[in-house]
Amino acid sequence: MNVLILVFAHLLADYPLQGEFLATMKGKNHIVLFSHAGIWTGVIATATYLIGFDITFIDIASLFVVHAIADYLKAKPVGFYKKLDGLKGGLLIDQGIHLAQIIVLLAYKGGLV
């Protein structure tokens, strides 16, 4: 159940809470990118805390940095993202990275059981 709660939190933060402005501008402006990564990190950290896990500064920093880098690479696009359609392969990789973040966080916290 913990995974489902955090996947829902992820979907909430990465889609409706991002909005069109942040989605369009995060590849063009670092403040916008960091704002989106901060919103996503805050939602995931809050949901993780509310389901009963301690959240540390290292957890928050890790979630934020990985999310910001993944979104930057896709939004710019950089590296292999240049060859991918942003709404197909690029989106699948981006979402896979974010879901992996959730799995790793729960595994680290002992919440996958």
N, C-alpha and C. Protein backbone atom coordinates (compact mmCIF):
# COMPACT_ATOMS: atom_id res chain seq x y z
N MET A 1 0.81 -1.20 0.00
CA MET A 1 0.00 0.00 0.00
C MET A 1 0.86 1.27 0.00
N ASN A 2 2.01 1.21 0.67
CA ASN A 2 2.91 2.37 0.71
C ASN A 2 3.32 2.81 -0.69
N VAL A 3 3.62 1.85 -1.56
CA VAL A 3 4.02 2.17 -2.92
C VAL A 3 2.89 2.89 -3.64
N LEU A 4 1.67 2.40 -3.49
CA LEU A 4 0.54 3.02 -4.17
C LEU A 4 0.30 4.45 -3.68
N ILE A 5 0.45 4.67 -2.39
CA ILE A 5 0.28 6.02 -1.84
C ILE A 5 1.32 6.97 -2.43
N LEU A 6 2.57 6.51 -2.48
CA LEU A 6 3.62 7.39 -3.02
C LEU A 6 3.53 7.54 -4.53
N VAL A 7 3.06 6.54 -5.24
CA VAL A 7 2.84 6.69 -6.68
C VAL A 7 1.75 7.73 -6.92
N PHE A 8 0.68 7.67 -6.13
CA PHE A 8 -0.37 8.68 -6.26
C PHE A 8 0.19 10.08 -5.95
N ALA A 9 0.98 10.20 -4.90
CA ALA A 9 1.60 11.49 -4.56
C ALA A 9 2.48 11.97 -5.71
N HIS A 10 3.23 11.05 -6.31
CA HIS A 10 4.07 11.38 -7.46
C HIS A 10 3.23 11.91 -8.61
N LEU A 11 2.17 11.20 -8.96
CA LEU A 11 1.32 11.63 -10.07
C LEU A 11 0.71 13.00 -9.81
N LEU A 12 0.29 13.23 -8.58
CA LEU A 12 -0.27 14.52 -8.20
C LEU A 12 0.75 15.64 -8.37
N ALA A 13 1.97 15.41 -7.88
CA ALA A 13 3.01 16.44 -7.92
C ALA A 13 3.61 16.63 -9.31
N ASP A 14 3.68 15.56 -10.09
CA ASP A 14 4.35 15.65 -11.40
C ASP A 14 3.41 16.07 -12.52
N TYR A 15 2.11 16.08 -12.28
CA TYR A 15 1.18 16.49 -13.32
C TYR A 15 0.34 17.70 -12.92
N PRO A 16 -0.75 17.56 -12.15
CA PRO A 16 -1.55 18.77 -11.90
C PRO A 16 -0.83 19.85 -11.10
N LEU A 17 0.02 19.47 -10.15
CA LEU A 17 0.72 20.50 -9.37
C LEU A 17 1.88 21.13 -10.15
N GLN A 18 2.27 20.51 -11.25
CA GLN A 18 3.31 21.11 -12.09
C GLN A 18 2.71 22.18 -12.99
N GLY A 19 1.62 21.88 -13.62
CA GLY A 19 0.98 22.84 -14.50
C GLY A 19 1.75 23.10 -15.78
N GLU A 20 1.09 23.78 -16.68
CA GLU A 20 1.66 24.03 -18.01
C GLU A 20 2.88 24.96 -17.95
N PHE A 21 2.82 26.01 -17.13
CA PHE A 21 3.93 26.96 -17.06
C PHE A 21 5.22 26.27 -16.61
N LEU A 22 5.16 25.53 -15.51
CA LEU A 22 6.36 24.86 -15.02
C LEU A 22 6.84 23.82 -16.02
N ALA A 23 5.92 23.07 -16.61
CA ALA A 23 6.30 22.04 -17.58
C ALA A 23 6.98 22.65 -18.80
N THR A 24 6.49 23.79 -19.25
CA THR A 24 7.05 24.44 -20.44
C THR A 24 8.37 25.14 -20.14
N MET A 25 8.48 25.75 -18.97
CA MET A 25 9.63 26.61 -18.68
C MET A 25 10.78 25.93 -17.94
N LYS A 26 10.58 24.72 -17.40
CA LYS A 26 11.63 24.12 -16.57
C LYS A 26 12.90 23.80 -17.35
N GLY A 27 12.81 23.65 -18.66
CA GLY A 27 14.00 23.43 -19.47
C GLY A 27 14.69 24.72 -19.88
N LYS A 28 14.05 25.85 -19.56
CA LYS A 28 14.57 27.16 -19.98
C LYS A 28 15.03 28.03 -18.81
N ASN A 29 14.60 27.66 -17.59
CA ASN A 29 14.88 28.51 -16.45
C ASN A 29 15.13 27.63 -15.22
N HIS A 30 16.30 27.79 -14.61
CA HIS A 30 16.65 26.94 -13.47
C HIS A 30 15.77 27.18 -12.25
N ILE A 31 15.31 28.40 -12.05
CA ILE A 31 14.43 28.68 -10.91
C ILE A 31 13.13 27.91 -11.07
N VAL A 32 12.60 27.87 -12.28
CA VAL A 32 11.37 27.12 -12.54
C VAL A 32 11.63 25.62 -12.34
N LEU A 33 12.74 25.13 -12.84
CA LEU A 33 13.10 23.73 -12.67
C LEU A 33 13.20 23.38 -11.18
N PHE A 34 13.91 24.21 -10.42
CA PHE A 34 14.08 23.96 -8.99
C PHE A 34 12.74 24.07 -8.24
N SER A 35 11.87 24.97 -8.70
CA SER A 35 10.55 25.09 -8.07
C SER A 35 9.76 23.80 -8.26
N HIS A 36 9.76 23.28 -9.49
CA HIS A 36 9.04 22.03 -9.74
C HIS A 36 9.64 20.88 -8.93
N ALA A 37 10.97 20.76 -8.95
CA ALA A 37 11.62 19.68 -8.19
C ALA A 37 11.33 19.83 -6.70
N GLY A 38 11.26 21.05 -6.22
CA GLY A 38 10.93 21.29 -4.81
C GLY A 38 9.51 20.90 -4.47
N ILE A 39 8.57 21.24 -5.35
CA ILE A 39 7.17 20.85 -5.13
C ILE A 39 7.06 19.33 -5.09
N TRP A 40 7.67 18.67 -6.07
CA TRP A 40 7.60 17.21 -6.14
C TRP A 40 8.23 16.59 -4.89
N THR A 41 9.41 17.08 -4.53
CA THR A 41 10.10 16.55 -3.35
C THR A 41 9.28 16.77 -2.09
N GLY A 42 8.69 17.94 -1.95
CA GLY A 42 7.87 18.24 -0.78
C GLY A 42 6.66 17.33 -0.67
N VAL A 43 6.01 17.07 -1.79
CA VAL A 43 4.84 16.19 -1.78
C VAL A 43 5.24 14.76 -1.42
N ILE A 44 6.32 14.27 -2.03
CA ILE A 44 6.78 12.90 -1.76
C ILE A 44 7.25 12.78 -0.30
N ALA A 45 8.02 13.75 0.17
CA ALA A 45 8.52 13.71 1.56
C ALA A 45 7.36 13.79 2.56
N THR A 46 6.39 14.64 2.29
CA THR A 46 5.24 14.77 3.19
C THR A 46 4.42 13.48 3.21
N ALA A 47 4.17 12.90 2.05
CA ALA A 47 3.41 11.65 1.99
C ALA A 47 4.16 10.53 2.69
N THR A 48 5.47 10.48 2.50
CA THR A 48 6.29 9.45 3.15
C THR A 48 6.21 9.60 4.67
N TYR A 49 6.30 10.82 5.14
CA TYR A 49 6.20 11.10 6.58
C TYR A 49 4.81 10.71 7.11
N LEU A 50 3.78 11.06 6.37
CA LEU A 50 2.41 10.80 6.83
C LEU A 50 2.07 9.31 6.87
N ILE A 51 2.76 8.50 6.08
CA ILE A 51 2.51 7.06 6.16
C ILE A 51 3.41 6.39 7.20
N GLY A 52 4.22 7.22 7.90
CA GLY A 52 4.89 6.70 9.08
C GLY A 52 6.40 6.52 9.01
N PHE A 53 7.05 7.13 8.03
CA PHE A 53 8.50 6.99 7.92
C PHE A 53 9.19 8.30 8.25
N ASP A 54 10.32 8.20 8.92
CA ASP A 54 11.13 9.39 9.18
C ASP A 54 11.78 9.85 7.88
N ILE A 55 11.81 11.14 7.69
CA ILE A 55 12.44 11.74 6.51
C ILE A 55 13.60 12.59 6.99
N THR A 56 14.76 12.38 6.41
CA THR A 56 15.96 13.13 6.79
C THR A 56 16.31 14.16 5.72
N PHE A 57 17.22 15.02 6.06
CA PHE A 57 17.73 15.99 5.09
C PHE A 57 18.35 15.27 3.89
N ILE A 58 19.04 14.18 4.14
CA ILE A 58 19.67 13.41 3.04
C ILE A 58 18.59 12.85 2.11
N ASP A 59 17.48 12.36 2.67
CA ASP A 59 16.37 11.87 1.85
C ASP A 59 15.84 12.99 0.95
N ILE A 60 15.62 14.14 1.55
CA ILE A 60 15.06 15.27 0.81
C ILE A 60 16.04 15.74 -0.27
N ALA A 61 17.31 15.87 0.10
CA ALA A 61 18.32 16.31 -0.87
C ALA A 61 18.43 15.33 -2.03
N SER A 62 18.41 14.04 -1.72
CA SER A 62 18.52 13.02 -2.77
C SER A 62 17.32 13.06 -3.71
N LEU A 63 16.13 13.12 -3.15
CA LEU A 63 14.92 13.20 -3.98
C LEU A 63 14.97 14.43 -4.88
N PHE A 64 15.34 15.57 -4.30
CA PHE A 64 15.37 16.82 -5.05
C PHE A 64 16.40 16.78 -6.18
N VAL A 65 17.61 16.38 -5.87
CA VAL A 65 18.70 16.41 -6.86
C VAL A 65 18.40 15.46 -8.02
N VAL A 66 18.00 14.23 -7.71
CA VAL A 66 17.73 13.27 -8.78
C VAL A 66 16.56 13.74 -9.64
N HIS A 67 15.52 14.26 -9.00
CA HIS A 67 14.37 14.74 -9.78
C HIS A 67 14.76 15.92 -10.67
N ALA A 68 15.51 16.85 -10.12
CA ALA A 68 15.91 18.02 -10.90
C ALA A 68 16.78 17.62 -12.09
N ILE A 69 17.73 16.73 -11.87
CA ILE A 69 18.61 16.30 -12.96
C ILE A 69 17.80 15.56 -14.04
N ALA A 70 16.95 14.63 -13.62
CA ALA A 70 16.14 13.88 -14.58
C ALA A 70 15.26 14.81 -15.41
N ASP A 71 14.61 15.76 -14.76
CA ASP A 71 13.74 16.67 -15.49
C ASP A 71 14.53 17.63 -16.38
N TYR A 72 15.68 18.07 -15.93
CA TYR A 72 16.52 18.94 -16.75
C TYR A 72 16.92 18.23 -18.04
N LEU A 73 17.41 16.99 -17.90
CA LEU A 73 17.86 16.24 -19.07
C LEU A 73 16.73 16.05 -20.08
N LYS A 74 15.54 15.77 -19.59
CA LYS A 74 14.40 15.56 -20.48
C LYS A 74 13.90 16.88 -21.07
N ALA A 75 13.82 17.92 -20.26
CA ALA A 75 13.23 19.18 -20.71
C ALA A 75 14.13 19.94 -21.67
N LYS A 76 15.45 19.73 -21.58
CA LYS A 76 16.38 20.53 -22.37
C LYS A 76 16.34 20.22 -23.87
N PRO A 77 16.32 19.10 -24.44
CA PRO A 77 16.78 17.77 -24.03
C PRO A 77 18.28 17.61 -24.18
N VAL A 78 18.86 16.76 -23.36
CA VAL A 78 20.30 16.54 -23.31
C VAL A 78 20.57 15.04 -23.48
N GLY A 79 21.72 14.72 -24.08
CA GLY A 79 22.15 13.33 -24.21
C GLY A 79 21.19 12.50 -25.04
N PHE A 80 20.90 11.30 -24.57
CA PHE A 80 20.05 10.38 -25.33
C PHE A 80 18.63 10.90 -25.47
N TYR A 81 18.23 11.86 -24.63
CA TYR A 81 16.89 12.43 -24.75
C TYR A 81 16.70 13.16 -26.08
N LYS A 82 17.80 13.61 -26.71
CA LYS A 82 17.71 14.29 -28.00
C LYS A 82 17.09 13.38 -29.06
N LYS A 83 17.31 12.08 -28.92
CA LYS A 83 16.83 11.12 -29.92
C LYS A 83 15.44 10.59 -29.61
N LEU A 84 14.90 10.95 -28.46
CA LEU A 84 13.61 10.40 -28.03
C LEU A 84 12.50 11.43 -28.15
N ASP A 85 11.32 10.96 -28.43
CA ASP A 85 10.13 11.80 -28.40
C ASP A 85 9.82 12.11 -26.93
N GLY A 86 9.70 13.38 -26.60
CA GLY A 86 9.48 13.79 -25.22
C GLY A 86 8.19 13.26 -24.61
N LEU A 87 7.22 12.92 -25.45
CA LEU A 87 5.95 12.41 -24.94
C LEU A 87 5.82 10.89 -25.07
N LYS A 88 6.87 10.25 -25.52
CA LYS A 88 6.85 8.79 -25.63
C LYS A 88 8.02 8.22 -24.85
N GLY A 89 9.11 7.88 -25.54
CA GLY A 89 10.26 7.27 -24.88
C GLY A 89 10.86 8.14 -23.79
N GLY A 90 10.96 9.44 -24.06
CA GLY A 90 11.52 10.35 -23.06
C GLY A 90 10.67 10.39 -21.80
N LEU A 91 9.37 10.41 -21.98
CA LEU A 91 8.46 10.43 -20.83
C LEU A 91 8.53 9.12 -20.05
N LEU A 92 8.63 8.00 -20.76
CA LEU A 92 8.74 6.70 -20.08
C LEU A 92 10.01 6.62 -19.23
N ILE A 93 11.12 7.08 -19.77
CA ILE A 93 12.37 7.06 -19.00
C ILE A 93 12.28 7.99 -17.80
N ASP A 94 11.78 9.19 -18.02
CA ASP A 94 11.63 10.17 -16.95
C ASP A 94 10.75 9.62 -15.82
N GLN A 95 9.61 9.08 -16.18
CA GLN A 95 8.70 8.53 -15.16
C GLN A 95 9.30 7.30 -14.49
N GLY A 96 10.04 6.51 -15.25
CA GLY A 96 10.73 5.35 -14.66
C GLY A 96 11.74 5.77 -13.61
N ILE A 97 12.46 6.85 -13.88
CA ILE A 97 13.42 7.37 -12.90
C ILE A 97 12.70 7.81 -11.63
N HIS A 98 11.59 8.52 -11.78
CA HIS A 98 10.87 9.01 -10.62
C HIS A 98 10.25 7.86 -9.81
N LEU A 99 9.74 6.87 -10.50
CA LEU A 99 9.20 5.70 -9.79
C LEU A 99 10.31 4.92 -9.11
N ALA A 100 11.47 4.85 -9.74
CA ALA A 100 12.62 4.19 -9.11
C ALA A 100 13.02 4.94 -7.84
N GLN A 101 12.92 6.27 -7.85
CA GLN A 101 13.21 7.04 -6.65
C GLN A 101 12.30 6.62 -5.50
N ILE A 102 11.03 6.42 -5.81
CA ILE A 102 10.07 6.01 -4.78
C ILE A 102 10.40 4.62 -4.26
N ILE A 103 10.71 3.70 -5.17
CA ILE A 103 11.04 2.32 -4.77
C ILE A 103 12.30 2.31 -3.90
N VAL A 104 13.32 3.05 -4.31
CA VAL A 104 14.57 3.10 -3.54
C VAL A 104 14.31 3.71 -2.17
N LEU A 105 13.54 4.80 -2.12
CA LEU A 105 13.24 5.42 -0.83
C LEU A 105 12.53 4.44 0.10
N LEU A 106 11.51 3.78 -0.40
CA LEU A 106 10.79 2.82 0.44
C LEU A 106 11.65 1.63 0.83
N ALA A 107 12.48 1.16 -0.08
CA ALA A 107 13.37 0.04 0.25
C ALA A 107 14.34 0.45 1.35
N TYR A 108 14.88 1.66 1.23
CA TYR A 108 15.82 2.20 2.22
C TYR A 108 15.14 2.36 3.60
N LYS A 109 13.88 2.76 3.56
CA LYS A 109 13.13 2.99 4.82
C LYS A 109 12.50 1.71 5.36
N GLY A 110 12.61 0.62 4.60
CA GLY A 110 12.02 -0.64 5.05
C GLY A 110 10.53 -0.71 4.81
N GLY A 111 10.03 0.06 3.86
CA GLY A 111 8.60 0.14 3.63
C GLY A 111 8.07 -0.65 2.46
N LEU A 112 8.89 -1.50 1.87
CA LEU A 112 8.41 -2.32 0.74
C LEU A 112 7.77 -3.61 1.19
N VAL A 113 7.88 -3.91 2.44
CA VAL A 113 7.36 -5.19 2.94
C VAL A 113 5.85 -5.15 3.05
